[in-house]
N, C-alpha and C. Protein backbone atom coordinates (compact mmCIF):
# COMPACT_ATOMS: atom_id res chain seq x y z
N MET A 1 0.90 -1.40 0.12
CA MET A 1 -0.09 0.06 -0.01
C MET A 1 1.18 1.15 0.31
N ASN A 2 0.33 2.43 -0.75
CA ASN A 2 1.07 3.51 -0.67
C ASN A 2 1.06 3.81 0.66
N GLU A 3 2.87 4.40 0.47
CA GLU A 3 3.43 4.65 2.29
C GLU A 3 2.61 6.37 3.01
N ILE A 4 1.79 6.94 2.20
CA ILE A 4 1.45 8.44 2.51
C ILE A 4 -0.06 8.22 3.10
N TYR A 5 -0.38 6.77 3.07
CA TYR A 5 -1.87 6.71 3.21
C TYR A 5 -2.20 5.56 4.01
N THR A 6 -2.64 6.16 5.43
CA THR A 6 -3.15 4.90 6.43
C THR A 6 -4.21 4.91 6.49
N GLU A 7 -4.86 3.40 6.75
CA GLU A 7 -5.76 3.29 7.86
C GLU A 7 -5.69 3.09 8.97
N ASN A 8 -4.34 3.00 10.02
CA ASN A 8 -3.88 2.33 10.76
C ASN A 8 -4.04 3.93 11.81
N ILE A 9 -4.78 4.19 12.66
CA ILE A 9 -5.31 4.70 13.59
C ILE A 9 -4.04 4.97 14.57
N GLY A 10 -3.42 4.25 14.95
CA GLY A 10 -2.02 4.05 15.74
C GLY A 10 -1.42 4.91 15.03
N GLU A 11 -0.84 5.50 13.81
CA GLU A 11 -0.20 6.08 13.48
C GLU A 11 -0.87 7.63 13.47
N PHE A 12 -2.17 7.56 13.58
CA PHE A 12 -2.42 9.16 14.11
C PHE A 12 -2.21 9.81 15.25
N GLY A 13 -1.44 11.09 14.49
CA GLY A 13 -1.40 12.30 16.16
C GLY A 13 -2.62 12.24 16.57
N SER A 14 -2.45 13.01 17.53
CA SER A 14 -3.09 13.78 18.68
C SER A 14 -4.85 14.74 17.94
N ARG A 15 -4.09 15.64 16.74
CA ARG A 15 -5.23 16.15 15.92
C ARG A 15 -5.54 15.47 14.91
N GLU A 16 -4.87 14.59 14.50
CA GLU A 16 -5.87 13.55 13.20
C GLU A 16 -6.55 12.85 14.11
N ARG A 17 -6.13 12.55 15.61
CA ARG A 17 -7.61 11.84 15.95
C ARG A 17 -8.66 12.56 16.38
N ALA A 18 -8.41 13.59 16.45
CA ALA A 18 -9.72 14.84 16.72
C ALA A 18 -10.45 15.13 15.76
N MET A 19 -9.68 15.28 14.45
CA MET A 19 -10.32 15.21 13.32
C MET A 19 -11.10 13.51 12.94
N ALA A 20 -10.93 12.64 13.38
CA ALA A 20 -11.46 11.60 12.76
C ALA A 20 -12.65 11.57 14.05
N ALA A 21 -12.59 12.07 15.44
CA ALA A 21 -13.89 12.25 15.85
C ALA A 21 -15.06 12.82 15.44
N GLU A 22 -14.39 14.29 15.02
CA GLU A 22 -15.54 15.27 14.29
C GLU A 22 -16.07 14.44 12.92
N ILE A 23 -15.02 13.77 11.87
CA ILE A 23 -15.89 13.19 11.15
C ILE A 23 -16.86 11.89 11.23
N LEU A 24 -16.49 11.48 12.34
CA LEU A 24 -17.67 9.98 12.97
C LEU A 24 -18.36 10.38 13.45
N ALA A 25 -18.59 11.63 13.62
CA ALA A 25 -19.87 12.65 14.29
C ALA A 25 -20.92 12.81 14.03
N GLN A 26 -20.73 12.78 12.46
CA GLN A 26 -21.21 13.65 11.11
C GLN A 26 -21.86 12.46 10.79
N PRO A 27 -23.19 12.90 10.08
CA PRO A 27 -23.58 11.57 8.83
C PRO A 27 -22.82 11.67 7.64
N LEU A 28 -23.32 10.63 7.14
CA LEU A 28 -22.20 10.64 5.48
C LEU A 28 -23.04 11.45 4.77
N PRO A 29 -22.54 12.29 3.69
CA PRO A 29 -23.12 13.14 3.07
C PRO A 29 -24.09 12.38 1.75
N GLU A 30 -24.88 13.23 1.21
CA GLU A 30 -25.91 12.27 0.30
C GLU A 30 -25.07 12.32 -0.86
N GLY A 31 -25.25 11.27 -1.58
CA GLY A 31 -24.56 10.65 -2.39
C GLY A 31 -23.30 9.78 -2.46
N PHE A 32 -22.62 9.35 -0.83
CA PHE A 32 -21.38 8.83 -0.16
C PHE A 32 -22.23 7.39 -0.47
N SER A 33 -21.72 6.58 -1.15
CA SER A 33 -22.12 5.20 -0.63
C SER A 33 -21.71 4.97 0.69
N ASP A 34 -22.35 3.89 1.40
CA ASP A 34 -21.75 3.69 2.94
C ASP A 34 -21.37 1.81 2.74
N SER A 35 -21.30 1.43 1.55
CA SER A 35 -20.33 0.12 1.34
C SER A 35 -18.85 0.18 1.73
N GLY A 36 -18.78 -0.53 2.53
CA GLY A 36 -16.73 -0.38 3.15
C GLY A 36 -16.50 0.62 3.19
N VAL A 37 -16.86 1.56 4.35
CA VAL A 37 -16.25 3.24 4.76
C VAL A 37 -15.52 2.50 5.58
N LYS A 38 -14.07 3.29 5.32
CA LYS A 38 -13.14 3.43 6.20
C LYS A 38 -12.23 4.77 6.28
N LEU A 39 -12.03 4.78 7.96
CA LEU A 39 -11.33 5.77 8.31
C LEU A 39 -9.88 5.97 7.29
N ALA A 40 -9.66 7.15 7.08
CA ALA A 40 -8.05 7.38 6.56
C ALA A 40 -7.12 8.45 6.84
N MET A 41 -6.06 8.68 6.74
CA MET A 41 -5.45 10.03 6.95
C MET A 41 -4.06 9.36 5.56
N ASN A 42 -3.83 10.86 4.80
CA ASN A 42 -2.94 10.92 4.14
C ASN A 42 -1.39 11.53 5.46
N LYS A 43 -0.48 11.10 4.97
CA LYS A 43 1.06 11.05 5.86
C LYS A 43 1.52 12.36 6.03
N ASN A 44 1.11 12.69 4.54
CA ASN A 44 1.55 14.03 3.73
C ASN A 44 1.35 15.26 4.35
N SER A 45 -0.27 14.86 3.90
CA SER A 45 -0.64 16.61 4.62
C SER A 45 -1.26 16.43 5.50
N GLY A 46 -1.43 15.19 6.38
CA GLY A 46 -2.35 14.95 7.95
C GLY A 46 -4.15 15.06 7.57
N TYR A 47 -4.55 15.47 6.28
CA TYR A 47 -6.24 15.65 5.87
C TYR A 47 -6.35 13.65 6.59
N VAL A 48 -7.33 13.77 7.23
CA VAL A 48 -8.41 12.98 7.79
C VAL A 48 -9.69 12.74 7.01
N PHE A 49 -10.31 11.30 6.69
CA PHE A 49 -11.10 11.40 5.54
C PHE A 49 -11.65 10.00 5.72
N LEU A 50 -12.39 9.74 5.16
CA LEU A 50 -13.43 8.69 4.67
C LEU A 50 -13.38 8.61 3.07
N VAL A 51 -13.05 7.11 3.30
CA VAL A 51 -13.33 6.54 1.78
C VAL A 51 -14.00 5.01 2.04
N ASN A 52 -14.39 4.72 0.93
CA ASN A 52 -15.41 3.73 1.06
C ASN A 52 -14.96 2.63 -0.54
N ASP A 53 -15.45 1.59 -0.65
CA ASP A 53 -15.73 0.40 -1.74
C ASP A 53 -15.32 1.43 -3.30
N ASP A 54 -16.03 2.34 -2.90
CA ASP A 54 -16.30 2.88 -4.58
C ASP A 54 -15.15 4.06 -4.83
N TYR A 55 -14.48 4.17 -3.90
CA TYR A 55 -13.48 4.97 -3.79
C TYR A 55 -14.17 6.38 -3.61
N GLN A 56 -14.54 6.61 -3.50
CA GLN A 56 -15.46 8.29 -3.19
C GLN A 56 -14.45 8.69 -1.72
N VAL A 57 -14.40 9.42 -1.53
CA VAL A 57 -13.68 10.08 -0.70
C VAL A 57 -14.75 11.10 0.22
N ALA A 58 -14.40 10.95 1.33
CA ALA A 58 -15.81 12.55 2.35
C ALA A 58 -14.82 13.45 3.43
N MET A 59 -14.36 14.14 3.62
CA MET A 59 -13.65 15.53 3.85
C MET A 59 -14.83 16.43 4.67
N MET A 60 -14.01 16.90 5.85
CA MET A 60 -14.78 17.93 6.70
C MET A 60 -14.30 19.04 5.53
N ASN A 61 -15.56 19.86 5.50
CA ASN A 61 -15.56 21.16 4.76
C ASN A 61 -16.54 22.00 5.40
N GLY A 62 -15.82 23.18 5.76
CA GLY A 62 -16.24 23.94 7.28
C GLY A 62 -16.35 22.72 8.78
N ASP A 63 -18.07 22.94 8.71
CA ASP A 63 -18.66 22.30 9.68
C ASP A 63 -19.47 21.41 9.84
N LYS A 64 -19.13 20.98 8.08
CA LYS A 64 -19.97 19.82 7.70
C LYS A 64 -19.14 18.50 6.79
N LEU A 65 -19.55 16.99 7.25
CA LEU A 65 -18.67 16.60 6.00
C LEU A 65 -19.14 16.62 4.45
N ASP A 66 -18.52 16.32 3.85
CA ASP A 66 -18.57 16.51 2.42
C ASP A 66 -17.71 15.63 1.32
N ILE A 67 -18.17 15.44 -0.32
CA ILE A 67 -17.57 14.58 -0.86
C ILE A 67 -16.67 15.43 -1.38
N PHE A 68 -15.67 14.67 -1.11
CA PHE A 68 -14.05 15.67 -2.18
C PHE A 68 -13.79 14.56 -3.53
N HIS A 69 -14.32 15.64 -4.12
CA HIS A 69 -14.42 15.00 -5.72
C HIS A 69 -12.89 14.89 -6.67
N THR A 70 -12.71 14.21 -7.59
CA THR A 70 -11.39 14.26 -7.84
C THR A 70 -11.84 13.98 -9.89
N LEU A 71 -12.16 14.83 -10.52
CA LEU A 71 -12.01 14.82 -11.53
C LEU A 71 -11.74 13.62 -12.77
N PRO A 72 -12.33 12.88 -13.48
CA PRO A 72 -11.79 11.81 -13.73
C PRO A 72 -10.62 11.96 -15.14
N TYR A 73 -11.06 13.15 -15.57
CA TYR A 73 -10.11 13.45 -17.01
C TYR A 73 -9.14 13.69 -16.71
N GLY A 74 -9.22 15.42 -15.93
CA GLY A 74 -8.06 17.09 -15.54
C GLY A 74 -7.77 15.95 -14.22
N GLY A 75 -8.44 15.72 -13.41
CA GLY A 75 -7.46 15.56 -12.03
C GLY A 75 -7.77 16.71 -11.48
N ALA A 76 -8.57 17.70 -11.39
CA ALA A 76 -8.60 18.51 -10.34
C ALA A 76 -10.18 17.57 -9.09
N GLU A 77 -9.00 18.32 -8.02
CA GLU A 77 -9.74 18.06 -7.20
C GLU A 77 -10.45 19.12 -6.08
N GLY A 78 -11.12 18.75 -5.20
CA GLY A 78 -12.27 20.00 -4.28
C GLY A 78 -13.74 19.22 -4.42
N PHE A 79 -14.08 19.79 -3.41
CA PHE A 79 -15.54 20.02 -3.40
C PHE A 79 -16.39 20.32 -4.01
N LEU A 80 -17.56 20.14 -4.67
CA LEU A 80 -18.57 20.06 -5.58
C LEU A 80 -18.36 21.13 -5.80
N ILE A 81 -18.85 21.90 -4.68
CA ILE A 81 -19.31 23.44 -4.73
C ILE A 81 -18.04 24.59 -5.48
N ASP A 82 -17.48 23.86 -5.36
CA ASP A 82 -16.05 25.04 -5.22
C ASP A 82 -15.65 24.62 -6.79
N LEU A 83 -15.28 23.24 -6.86
CA LEU A 83 -15.43 22.58 -8.90
C LEU A 83 -15.76 23.88 -9.71
N LEU A 84 -17.73 23.58 -9.31
CA LEU A 84 -18.45 24.04 -9.85
C LEU A 84 -18.21 25.75 -10.07
N ASP A 85 -17.50 26.35 -8.80
CA ASP A 85 -17.75 27.59 -9.14
C ASP A 85 -16.03 28.37 -9.42
N GLU A 86 -15.39 27.70 -10.05
CA GLU A 86 -14.46 27.94 -10.92
C GLU A 86 -13.99 27.73 -11.98
N ASN A 87 -14.71 26.64 -12.21
CA ASN A 87 -14.89 26.18 -13.52
C ASN A 87 -16.49 26.46 -14.21
N THR A 88 -16.43 26.31 -15.40
CA THR A 88 -17.03 26.29 -16.12
C THR A 88 -17.30 25.26 -17.24
N PRO A 89 -18.46 24.90 -17.95
CA PRO A 89 -18.05 23.65 -18.98
C PRO A 89 -17.37 23.89 -19.93
N ASP A 90 -17.30 25.13 -20.75
CA ASP A 90 -16.44 25.36 -21.51
C ASP A 90 -14.78 25.23 -21.00
N ASP A 91 -14.41 25.47 -19.38
CA ASP A 91 -13.58 25.02 -19.59
C ASP A 91 -12.85 23.52 -19.20
N LEU A 92 -14.11 22.40 -18.93
CA LEU A 92 -13.39 21.28 -18.84
C LEU A 92 -13.41 20.47 -20.08
N ASN A 93 -12.83 19.33 -19.64
CA ASN A 93 -13.36 17.92 -20.90
C ASN A 93 -14.51 18.32 -20.54
N GLY A 94 -14.83 17.59 -21.96
CA GLY A 94 -16.75 17.02 -21.93
C GLY A 94 -16.80 15.61 -20.42
N GLU A 95 -16.08 15.02 -20.50
CA GLU A 95 -15.95 14.36 -19.41
C GLU A 95 -16.24 14.49 -18.04
N ASP A 96 -15.31 15.47 -17.82
CA ASP A 96 -15.24 16.44 -16.29
C ASP A 96 -16.36 16.72 -16.19
N ALA A 97 -17.06 17.87 -17.52
CA ALA A 97 -18.30 19.09 -17.07
C ALA A 97 -19.58 17.37 -16.66
N ARG A 98 -19.62 16.59 -17.52
CA ARG A 98 -20.33 15.41 -17.21
C ARG A 98 -20.61 14.99 -16.12
N TYR A 99 -18.95 14.57 -15.36
CA TYR A 99 -19.11 14.11 -14.40
C TYR A 99 -19.92 14.98 -13.40
N LEU A 100 -19.04 16.41 -13.31
CA LEU A 100 -19.73 17.04 -12.38
C LEU A 100 -21.22 17.62 -12.35
N ARG A 101 -21.91 17.15 -13.53
CA ARG A 101 -22.98 17.86 -13.64
C ARG A 101 -24.32 16.64 -12.73
N GLU A 102 -23.22 14.90 -12.73
CA GLU A 102 -23.90 14.03 -12.52
C GLU A 102 -23.61 13.85 -11.12
N ALA A 103 -22.21 14.68 -10.26
CA ALA A 103 -22.28 14.73 -9.29
C ALA A 103 -23.27 15.51 -8.50
N ALA A 104 -23.59 17.05 -9.17
CA ALA A 104 -24.81 18.09 -8.65
C ALA A 104 -26.20 17.40 -8.49
N GLU A 105 -26.68 16.76 -9.00
CA GLU A 105 -27.47 15.73 -9.41
C GLU A 105 -27.97 14.53 -8.23
N ALA A 106 -26.58 13.96 -7.95
CA ALA A 106 -26.90 12.96 -6.84
C ALA A 106 -26.56 13.79 -5.46
N GLU A 107 -25.96 14.91 -4.96
CA GLU A 107 -25.66 15.28 -4.56
C GLU A 107 -27.17 16.46 -3.97
N GLY A 108 -27.68 16.46 -4.60
CA GLY A 108 -28.81 17.78 -4.41
C GLY A 108 -28.47 18.89 -4.51
N VAL A 109 -27.74 19.44 -5.55
CA VAL A 109 -26.50 20.92 -5.60
C VAL A 109 -26.95 21.57 -6.86
N SER A 110 -27.61 22.67 -6.86
CA SER A 110 -27.32 23.44 -7.83
C SER A 110 -26.99 24.11 -8.24
N LEU A 111 -26.89 23.66 -9.80
CA LEU A 111 -25.88 24.35 -10.72
C LEU A 111 -26.10 25.80 -10.60
N PRO A 112 -24.76 26.52 -10.54
CA PRO A 112 -24.41 27.84 -10.88
C PRO A 112 -25.14 28.07 -12.21
N GLU A 113 -25.46 29.71 -12.62
CA GLU A 113 -25.83 30.20 -14.06
C GLU A 113 -24.69 29.72 -14.77
N ALA A 114 -23.57 29.66 -14.51
CA ALA A 114 -22.69 29.63 -15.89
C ALA A 114 -22.92 27.75 -16.25
N TRP A 115 -23.69 27.56 -15.28
CA TRP A 115 -23.63 25.82 -15.93
C TRP A 115 -25.17 25.54 -16.76
N GLU A 116 -25.76 26.49 -16.56
CA GLU A 116 -27.09 26.27 -17.00
C GLU A 116 -27.19 26.10 -18.39
N ASP A 117 -27.88 25.18 -18.99
CA ASP A 117 -28.09 25.48 -20.83
C ASP A 117 -26.60 25.51 -21.68
N LYS A 118 -25.93 24.37 -20.95
CA LYS A 118 -24.81 23.82 -21.60
C LYS A 118 -24.97 22.68 -22.33
């Protein structure tokens, strides 16, 4: 397994354990599968997150647990609303634009005006 990724809570420091507790107190985000959910940490960044059998990732976004997306073609990463606000369909490969539209529908997020009728 990748050396920067761990599911071993013994490798979490006190900061990361506090982040884990905050994550575990939250409901799973809309559209996040509950199949094989595991707590994990990126040892380089110190980010703590949930990952599931579908390779979805959920992280704290302010005070709520939210899906953290990776675009399938371009590889850009971020929370859905940020990816939608920072891009328009014209900025992205068609596959990435389609992915964001489908994610917005699955998560019940309204598309920004720049995404309408494109």
